[in-house]
Amino acid sequence: MFLNKYFLLSFGQVIIYQLNLAWSTNFLYFFKFFSINDYS
């Protein structure tokens, strides 16, 4: 039971980390995209 709870907790943290990483890269990508649009 304890192992299962610990596994779920770490799994949730990994998902949150992945989501934050994806959001950060998307934000940088859009920022770059809009910067390029401003220059043209």
C-alpha atoms as a PDB file:
ATOM      1  CA  MET A   1       0.000   0.000   0.000  1.00  0.00           C
ATOM      2  CA  PHE A   2       2.772   2.440   0.971  1.00  0.00           C
ATOM      3  CA  LEU A   3       4.775   1.518  -2.141  1.00  0.00           C
ATOM      4  CA  ASN A   4       1.739   2.077  -4.349  1.00  0.00           C
ATOM      5  CA  LYS A   5       1.092   5.507  -2.794  1.00  0.00           C
ATOM      6  CA  TYR A   6       4.747   6.488  -3.197  1.00  0.00           C
ATOM      7  CA  PHE A   7       4.715   5.325  -6.821  1.00  0.00           C
ATOM      8  CA  LEU A   8       1.618   7.394  -7.608  1.00  0.00           C
ATOM      9  CA  LEU A   9       3.146  10.447  -5.923  1.00  0.00           C
ATOM     10  CA  SER A  10       6.385  10.224  -7.917  1.00  0.00           C
ATOM     11  CA  PHE A  11       4.431   9.495 -11.100  1.00  0.00           C
ATOM     12  CA  GLY A  12       2.331  12.638 -10.554  1.00  0.00           C
ATOM     13  CA  GLN A  13       5.468  14.709  -9.994  1.00  0.00           C
ATOM     14  CA  VAL A  14       6.954  13.403 -13.253  1.00  0.00           C
ATOM     15  CA  ILE A  15       3.774  14.351 -15.140  1.00  0.00           C
ATOM     16  CA  ILE A  16       3.803  17.839 -13.592  1.00  0.00           C
ATOM     17  CA  TYR A  17       7.481  18.224 -14.498  1.00  0.00           C
ATOM     18  CA  GLN A  18       6.809  17.120 -18.087  1.00  0.00           C
ATOM     19  CA  LEU A  19       3.881  19.560 -18.375  1.00  0.00           C
ATOM     20  CA  ASN A  20       6.000  22.432 -17.056  1.00  0.00           C
ATOM     21  CA  LEU A  21       8.759  21.529 -19.502  1.00  0.00           C
ATOM     22  CA  ALA A  22       6.323  21.404 -22.427  1.00  0.00           C
ATOM     23  CA  TRP A  23       4.762  24.734 -21.400  1.00  0.00           C
ATOM     24  CA  SER A  24       8.190  26.376 -21.139  1.00  0.00           C
ATOM     25  CA  THR A  25       9.321  25.157 -24.564  1.00  0.00           C
ATOM     26  CA  ASN A  26       6.012  26.167 -26.157  1.00  0.00           C
ATOM     27  CA  PHE A  27       6.266  29.610 -24.568  1.00  0.00           C
ATOM     28  CA  LEU A  28       9.816  30.058 -25.900  1.00  0.00           C
ATOM     29  CA  TYR A  29       8.732  28.833 -29.340  1.00  0.00           C
ATOM     30  CA  PHE A  30       5.819  31.274 -29.512  1.00  0.00           C
ATOM     31  CA  PHE A  31       7.991  34.090 -28.197  1.00  0.00           C
ATOM     32  CA  LYS A  32      10.552  33.382 -30.942  1.00  0.00           C
ATOM     33  CA  PHE A  33       7.778  33.141 -33.533  1.00  0.00           C
ATOM     34  CA  PHE A  34       6.286  36.514 -32.564  1.00  0.00           C
ATOM     35  CA  SER A  35       9.732  38.111 -32.459  1.00  0.00           C
ATOM     36  CA  ILE A  36      10.373  36.934 -36.032  1.00  0.00           C
ATOM     37  CA  ASN A  37       6.995  38.312 -37.070  1.00  0.00           C
ATOM     38  CA  ASP A  38       7.844  41.680 -35.547  1.00  0.00           C
ATOM     39  CA  TYR A  39      11.055  41.919 -37.535  1.00  0.00           C
ATOM     40  CA  SER A  40       9.486  41.104 -40.902  1.00  0.00           C
END
